[in-house]
N, C-alpha and C. Protein backbone atom coordinates (compact mmCIF):
# COMPACT_ATOMS: atom_id res chain seq x y z
N UNK A 1 0.81 -1.19 0.00
CA UNK A 1 0.00 0.00 0.00
C UNK A 1 0.86 1.27 0.00
N UNK A 2 1.99 1.22 0.70
CA UNK A 2 2.88 2.39 0.73
C UNK A 2 3.41 2.71 -0.66
N UNK A 3 3.72 1.67 -1.41
CA UNK A 3 4.27 1.89 -2.75
C UNK A 3 3.24 2.56 -3.65
N UNK A 4 1.98 2.18 -3.51
CA UNK A 4 0.92 2.78 -4.31
C UNK A 4 0.77 4.26 -3.96
N UNK A 5 0.77 4.56 -2.68
CA UNK A 5 0.67 5.97 -2.25
C UNK A 5 1.85 6.78 -2.77
N UNK A 6 3.02 6.21 -2.67
CA UNK A 6 4.22 6.89 -3.13
C UNK A 6 4.17 7.14 -4.63
N UNK A 7 3.73 6.16 -5.40
CA UNK A 7 3.62 6.30 -6.85
C UNK A 7 2.62 7.38 -7.23
N UNK A 8 1.48 7.41 -6.53
CA UNK A 8 0.47 8.44 -6.81
C UNK A 8 1.02 9.82 -6.48
N UNK A 9 1.74 9.93 -5.38
CA UNK A 9 2.34 11.21 -5.01
C UNK A 9 3.32 11.69 -6.07
N UNK A 10 4.15 10.79 -6.56
CA UNK A 10 5.10 11.17 -7.60
C UNK A 10 4.41 11.59 -8.89
N UNK A 11 3.37 10.89 -9.27
CA UNK A 11 2.63 11.24 -10.49
C UNK A 11 1.97 12.60 -10.36
N UNK A 12 1.39 12.87 -9.21
CA UNK A 12 0.77 14.18 -8.99
C UNK A 12 1.81 15.28 -9.01
N UNK A 13 2.94 15.02 -8.42
CA UNK A 13 4.01 16.02 -8.40
C UNK A 13 4.52 16.29 -9.81
N UNK A 14 4.69 15.26 -10.59
CA UNK A 14 5.16 15.43 -11.97
C UNK A 14 4.14 16.18 -12.81
N UNK A 15 2.88 15.95 -12.56
CA UNK A 15 1.83 16.63 -13.31
C UNK A 15 1.82 18.13 -13.04
N UNK A 16 2.33 18.53 -11.91
CA UNK A 16 2.36 19.95 -11.54
C UNK A 16 3.60 20.64 -12.12
N UNK A 17 4.38 19.95 -12.91
CA UNK A 17 5.62 20.44 -13.53
C UNK A 17 6.56 21.09 -12.53
N UNK A 18 6.78 20.37 -11.49
CA UNK A 18 7.72 20.80 -10.47
C UNK A 18 8.83 19.77 -10.36
N UNK A 19 9.93 20.18 -9.76
CA UNK A 19 11.04 19.28 -9.54
C UNK A 19 10.73 18.37 -8.36
N UNK A 20 10.95 17.09 -8.53
CA UNK A 20 10.72 16.13 -7.45
C UNK A 20 12.06 15.56 -7.03
N UNK A 21 12.38 15.68 -5.76
CA UNK A 21 13.62 15.14 -5.21
C UNK A 21 13.25 14.09 -4.18
N UNK A 22 13.71 12.88 -4.38
CA UNK A 22 13.36 11.77 -3.49
C UNK A 22 14.62 11.26 -2.81
N UNK A 23 14.58 11.19 -1.49
CA UNK A 23 15.68 10.61 -0.71
C UNK A 23 15.10 9.52 0.16
N UNK A 24 15.79 8.39 0.24
CA UNK A 24 15.30 7.30 1.07
C UNK A 24 16.36 6.88 2.09
N UNK A 25 15.89 6.41 3.22
CA UNK A 25 16.75 5.91 4.28
C UNK A 25 16.42 4.44 4.48
N UNK A 26 17.19 3.53 3.88
CA UNK A 26 16.85 2.11 3.96
C UNK A 26 16.91 1.55 5.38
N UNK A 27 17.74 2.15 6.24
CA UNK A 27 17.83 1.66 7.62
C UNK A 27 16.54 1.90 8.39
N UNK A 28 15.92 3.02 8.17
CA UNK A 28 14.69 3.37 8.89
C UNK A 28 13.43 3.11 8.07
N UNK A 29 13.59 2.89 6.77
CA UNK A 29 12.44 2.65 5.91
C UNK A 29 11.64 3.90 5.62
N UNK A 30 12.27 5.06 5.71
CA UNK A 30 11.57 6.33 5.48
C UNK A 30 11.94 6.89 4.12
N UNK A 31 11.01 7.62 3.54
CA UNK A 31 11.23 8.27 2.26
C UNK A 31 10.87 9.74 2.41
N UNK A 32 11.75 10.62 1.92
CA UNK A 32 11.52 12.06 1.95
C UNK A 32 11.33 12.53 0.51
N UNK A 33 10.20 13.15 0.23
CA UNK A 33 9.92 13.66 -1.11
C UNK A 33 9.77 15.16 -1.04
N UNK A 34 10.64 15.89 -1.73
CA UNK A 34 10.57 17.33 -1.82
C UNK A 34 10.01 17.71 -3.18
N UNK A 35 8.99 18.54 -3.19
CA UNK A 35 8.41 19.01 -4.44
C UNK A 35 8.55 20.53 -4.46
N UNK A 36 9.19 21.03 -5.48
CA UNK A 36 9.40 22.48 -5.57
C UNK A 36 9.52 22.89 -7.02
N UNK A 37 9.40 24.16 -7.25
CA UNK A 37 9.55 24.69 -8.61
C UNK A 37 11.00 24.58 -9.05
N UNK A 38 11.25 24.35 -10.34
CA UNK A 38 12.63 24.29 -10.83
C UNK A 38 13.37 25.59 -10.56
N UNK A 39 14.62 25.48 -10.17
CA UNK A 39 15.45 26.66 -9.89
C UNK A 39 15.28 27.22 -8.50
N UNK A 40 14.42 26.65 -7.69
CA UNK A 40 14.24 27.12 -6.33
C UNK A 40 15.46 26.73 -5.50
N UNK A 41 16.07 27.70 -4.82
CA UNK A 41 17.24 27.35 -4.02
C UNK A 41 16.85 26.48 -2.83
N UNK A 42 17.75 25.60 -2.45
CA UNK A 42 17.53 24.72 -1.32
C UNK A 42 18.70 24.92 -0.36
N UNK A 43 18.45 24.88 0.94
CA UNK A 43 19.54 25.12 1.86
C UNK A 43 19.31 24.58 3.24
N UNK A 44 20.33 24.73 4.08
CA UNK A 44 20.26 24.31 5.47
C UNK A 44 21.20 25.18 6.27
N UNK A 45 21.01 25.18 7.58
CA UNK A 45 21.92 25.87 8.48
C UNK A 45 22.06 25.06 9.75
N UNK A 46 23.17 25.27 10.47
CA UNK A 46 23.42 24.52 11.69
C UNK A 46 24.23 25.36 12.66
N UNK A 47 24.06 25.07 13.94
CA UNK A 47 24.83 25.70 14.99
C UNK A 47 25.79 24.65 15.54
N UNK A 48 27.07 25.01 15.62
CA UNK A 48 28.08 24.11 16.14
C UNK A 48 28.33 24.47 17.60
N UNK A 49 28.10 23.51 18.49
CA UNK A 49 28.27 23.76 19.92
C UNK A 49 29.52 23.06 20.43
N UNK A 50 30.07 23.61 21.47
CA UNK A 50 31.26 23.06 22.10
C UNK A 50 31.00 21.65 22.64
N UNK A 51 31.97 20.75 22.48
CA UNK A 51 31.87 19.39 22.98
C UNK A 51 33.01 19.16 23.98
N UNK A 52 32.69 18.57 25.11
CA UNK A 52 33.68 18.26 26.15
C UNK A 52 34.49 19.49 26.57
N UNK A 53 33.82 20.62 26.70
CA UNK A 53 34.44 21.88 27.14
C UNK A 53 35.61 22.30 26.26
N UNK A 54 35.54 22.00 24.99
CA UNK A 54 36.63 22.35 24.07
C UNK A 54 36.68 23.85 23.78
N UNK A 55 35.54 24.53 23.90
CA UNK A 55 35.49 25.95 23.61
C UNK A 55 35.32 26.28 22.14
N UNK A 56 35.25 25.27 21.30
CA UNK A 56 35.10 25.48 19.85
C UNK A 56 33.60 25.55 19.53
N UNK A 57 33.20 26.66 18.92
CA UNK A 57 31.80 26.86 18.54
C UNK A 57 31.77 27.40 17.12
N UNK A 58 30.58 27.52 16.58
CA UNK A 58 30.47 28.09 15.24
C UNK A 58 29.10 27.92 14.64
N UNK A 59 29.04 28.17 13.37
CA UNK A 59 27.81 28.02 12.62
C UNK A 59 28.15 27.66 11.18
N UNK A 60 27.22 27.05 10.53
CA UNK A 60 27.43 26.68 9.13
C UNK A 60 26.14 26.81 8.36
N UNK A 61 26.25 27.07 7.09
CA UNK A 61 25.07 27.14 6.23
C UNK A 61 25.48 26.74 4.82
N UNK A 62 24.50 26.28 4.08
CA UNK A 62 24.75 25.89 2.70
C UNK A 62 23.48 26.11 1.89
N UNK A 63 23.67 26.38 0.62
CA UNK A 63 22.53 26.47 -0.29
C UNK A 63 22.95 25.89 -1.63
N UNK A 64 21.99 25.33 -2.30
CA UNK A 64 22.22 24.67 -3.57
C UNK A 64 21.32 25.30 -4.60
N UNK A 65 21.93 25.82 -5.67
CA UNK A 65 21.14 26.44 -6.73
C UNK A 65 21.90 26.38 -8.03
N UNK A 66 21.21 26.05 -9.09
CA UNK A 66 21.80 25.99 -10.43
C UNK A 66 23.02 25.07 -10.48
N UNK A 67 22.89 23.88 -9.90
CA UNK A 67 23.93 22.85 -9.92
C UNK A 67 25.24 23.29 -9.28
N UNK A 68 25.16 24.20 -8.30
CA UNK A 68 26.34 24.63 -7.55
C UNK A 68 25.98 24.71 -6.08
N UNK A 69 26.93 24.38 -5.22
CA UNK A 69 26.72 24.47 -3.78
C UNK A 69 27.55 25.60 -3.22
N UNK A 70 26.95 26.39 -2.36
CA UNK A 70 27.62 27.51 -1.70
C UNK A 70 27.59 27.22 -0.20
N UNK A 71 28.77 27.06 0.41
CA UNK A 71 28.87 26.68 1.81
C UNK A 71 29.63 27.75 2.58
N UNK A 72 29.11 28.10 3.76
CA UNK A 72 29.77 29.03 4.66
C UNK A 72 29.89 28.38 6.03
N UNK A 73 31.11 28.37 6.59
CA UNK A 73 31.35 27.81 7.92
C UNK A 73 32.15 28.83 8.70
N UNK A 74 31.66 29.15 9.90
CA UNK A 74 32.38 30.07 10.80
C UNK A 74 32.68 29.31 12.08
N UNK A 75 33.97 29.30 12.48
CA UNK A 75 34.36 28.59 13.69
C UNK A 75 35.11 29.54 14.59
N UNK A 76 34.80 29.49 15.89
CA UNK A 76 35.48 30.32 16.89
C UNK A 76 36.08 29.42 17.96
N UNK A 77 37.20 29.82 18.50
CA UNK A 77 37.82 29.09 19.59
C UNK A 77 38.65 27.90 19.17
N UNK A 78 39.00 27.83 17.89
CA UNK A 78 39.78 26.67 17.42
C UNK A 78 41.26 26.92 17.58
């Protein structure tokens, strides 16, 4: 039944002329489907916290657009 739902979701997404990005995690059995317009930038950000009182902290961010990745990492206390 999951496969049928997944197939219907993909067909609907394709009919809307949007980009479909599918990622699967075989260990957990989960599937992530992102549907977005072509050319829409995608990105993430993170906060780096000190581990074992090392004093090293920072932040990072990335975005993906037009087949290129742009990454920024700032580290303090290294």
